[in-house]
Amino acid sequence: MDIPLEHYIVLSAVLFTIGGVGFLSRRNVLFSLLSIEVLLNAVNLSLVAFNRMRPQNHTGHIFTFFIIAAEAAEVAVGLAIVLALYRLKRTVRIDEADLLRN
């Protein structure tokens, strides 16, 4: 049974919407990082889904691999910033993030 491309694109759009709403509505840095991950995974899903249309071309998979690598770097830097913010201010709220400079 082959799943049509439209199902993947709709799922990707739903994930992107959930990630976008989560990023814009939350004030917690950890939830914002998680929402960014959901956004990037929605993009990965759409890239792989479109790549299924042309099986001899692996460009979608290659881009997905690079996005996953960028996600890992983003998480490492983001968590380091969150830890620095928590050590200084004992909070992980975005509103307090501009107070890192002394």
Protein backbone atom coordinates (compact mmCIF):
# COMPACT_ATOMS: atom_id res chain seq x y z
CA MET A 1 0.00 0.00 0.00
CA ASP A 2 1.52 3.28 -1.11
CA ILE A 3 0.68 6.44 0.80
CA PRO A 4 -0.04 9.40 -1.51
CA LEU A 5 2.21 12.45 -1.47
CA GLU A 6 -0.63 14.69 -0.30
CA HIS A 7 -0.83 12.88 3.04
CA TYR A 8 2.83 13.58 3.73
CA ILE A 9 2.48 17.22 2.77
CA VAL A 10 -0.60 17.69 4.96
CA LEU A 11 1.21 16.05 7.90
CA SER A 12 4.22 18.27 7.26
CA ALA A 13 2.01 21.38 7.20
CA VAL A 14 0.32 20.36 10.46
CA LEU A 15 3.68 19.78 12.13
CA PHE A 16 4.99 23.11 10.84
CA THR A 17 1.91 24.89 12.17
CA ILE A 18 2.23 23.24 15.57
CA GLY A 19 5.90 24.18 15.74
CA GLY A 20 5.24 27.76 14.66
CA VAL A 21 2.44 28.28 17.16
CA GLY A 22 4.53 26.68 19.89
CA PHE A 23 7.49 28.93 19.12
CA LEU A 24 5.43 32.11 19.03
CA SER A 25 3.29 31.41 22.08
CA ARG A 26 5.75 29.99 24.62
CA ARG A 27 7.98 32.06 26.88
CA ASN A 28 10.14 29.16 27.99
CA VAL A 29 13.43 28.78 26.11
CA LEU A 30 13.32 24.98 26.28
CA PHE A 31 9.89 24.81 24.70
CA SER A 32 11.02 27.28 22.04
CA LEU A 33 13.96 25.02 21.18
CA LEU A 34 11.61 22.05 21.02
CA SER A 35 9.27 23.97 18.71
CA ILE A 36 12.17 24.82 16.40
CA GLU A 37 12.98 21.11 16.24
CA VAL A 38 9.38 20.36 15.25
CA LEU A 39 9.58 23.04 12.53
CA LEU A 40 12.77 21.56 11.10
CA ASN A 41 11.39 18.01 11.24
CA ALA A 42 8.35 19.17 9.26
CA VAL A 43 10.72 20.48 6.61
CA ASN A 44 12.62 17.17 6.66
CA LEU A 45 9.39 15.25 6.16
CA SER A 46 8.40 17.34 3.16
CA LEU A 47 11.87 17.03 1.60
CA VAL A 48 11.82 13.25 1.89
CA ALA A 49 8.23 13.08 0.64
CA PHE A 50 9.03 15.13 -2.46
CA ASN A 51 12.14 13.05 -3.02
CA ARG A 52 9.93 9.95 -3.31
CA MET A 53 8.54 11.39 -6.54
CA ARG A 54 12.00 11.01 -8.16
CA PRO A 55 13.59 7.85 -6.73
CA GLN A 56 16.78 8.16 -8.79
CA ASN A 57 17.52 11.59 -7.30
CA HIS A 58 18.71 11.70 -3.66
CA THR A 59 18.85 15.46 -3.21
CA GLY A 60 16.03 15.51 -0.63
CA HIS A 61 17.77 12.93 1.50
CA ILE A 62 21.05 14.83 1.33
CA PHE A 63 19.40 18.09 2.38
CA THR A 64 17.63 16.25 5.19
CA PHE A 65 20.96 14.87 6.41
CA PHE A 66 22.45 18.38 6.54
CA ILE A 67 19.37 19.76 8.34
CA ILE A 68 19.66 17.02 10.97
CA ALA A 69 23.33 17.91 11.46
CA ALA A 70 22.40 21.59 11.82
CA GLU A 71 19.68 20.63 14.33
CA ALA A 72 22.23 18.82 16.47
CA ALA A 73 24.52 21.86 16.49
CA GLU A 74 21.56 24.15 17.25
CA VAL A 75 20.54 22.01 20.21
CA ALA A 76 24.07 21.96 21.61
CA VAL A 77 24.48 25.75 21.38
CA GLY A 78 20.91 26.39 22.55
CA LEU A 79 21.24 24.21 25.63
CA ALA A 80 24.56 25.87 26.50
CA ILE A 81 22.85 29.26 26.35
CA VAL A 82 19.95 27.97 28.45
CA LEU A 83 22.37 26.66 31.08
CA ALA A 84 24.20 29.99 31.17
CA LEU A 85 20.90 31.84 31.54
CA TYR A 86 19.74 29.53 34.32
CA ARG A 87 23.03 29.83 36.23
CA LEU A 88 22.91 33.62 36.13
CA LYS A 89 19.20 34.35 36.59
CA ARG A 90 17.68 31.08 37.91
CA THR A 91 15.04 31.20 35.17
CA VAL A 92 14.64 29.95 31.60
CA ARG A 93 12.11 32.53 30.44
CA ILE A 94 12.77 34.30 27.14
CA ASP A 95 11.91 37.67 28.68
CA GLU A 96 14.94 37.37 30.97
CA ALA A 97 17.36 36.37 28.20
CA ASP A 98 18.38 39.95 27.41
CA LEU A 99 19.72 40.25 30.96
CA LEU A 100 22.73 38.03 30.17
CA ARG A 101 24.87 41.08 29.50
CA ASN A 102 26.06 42.76 32.69
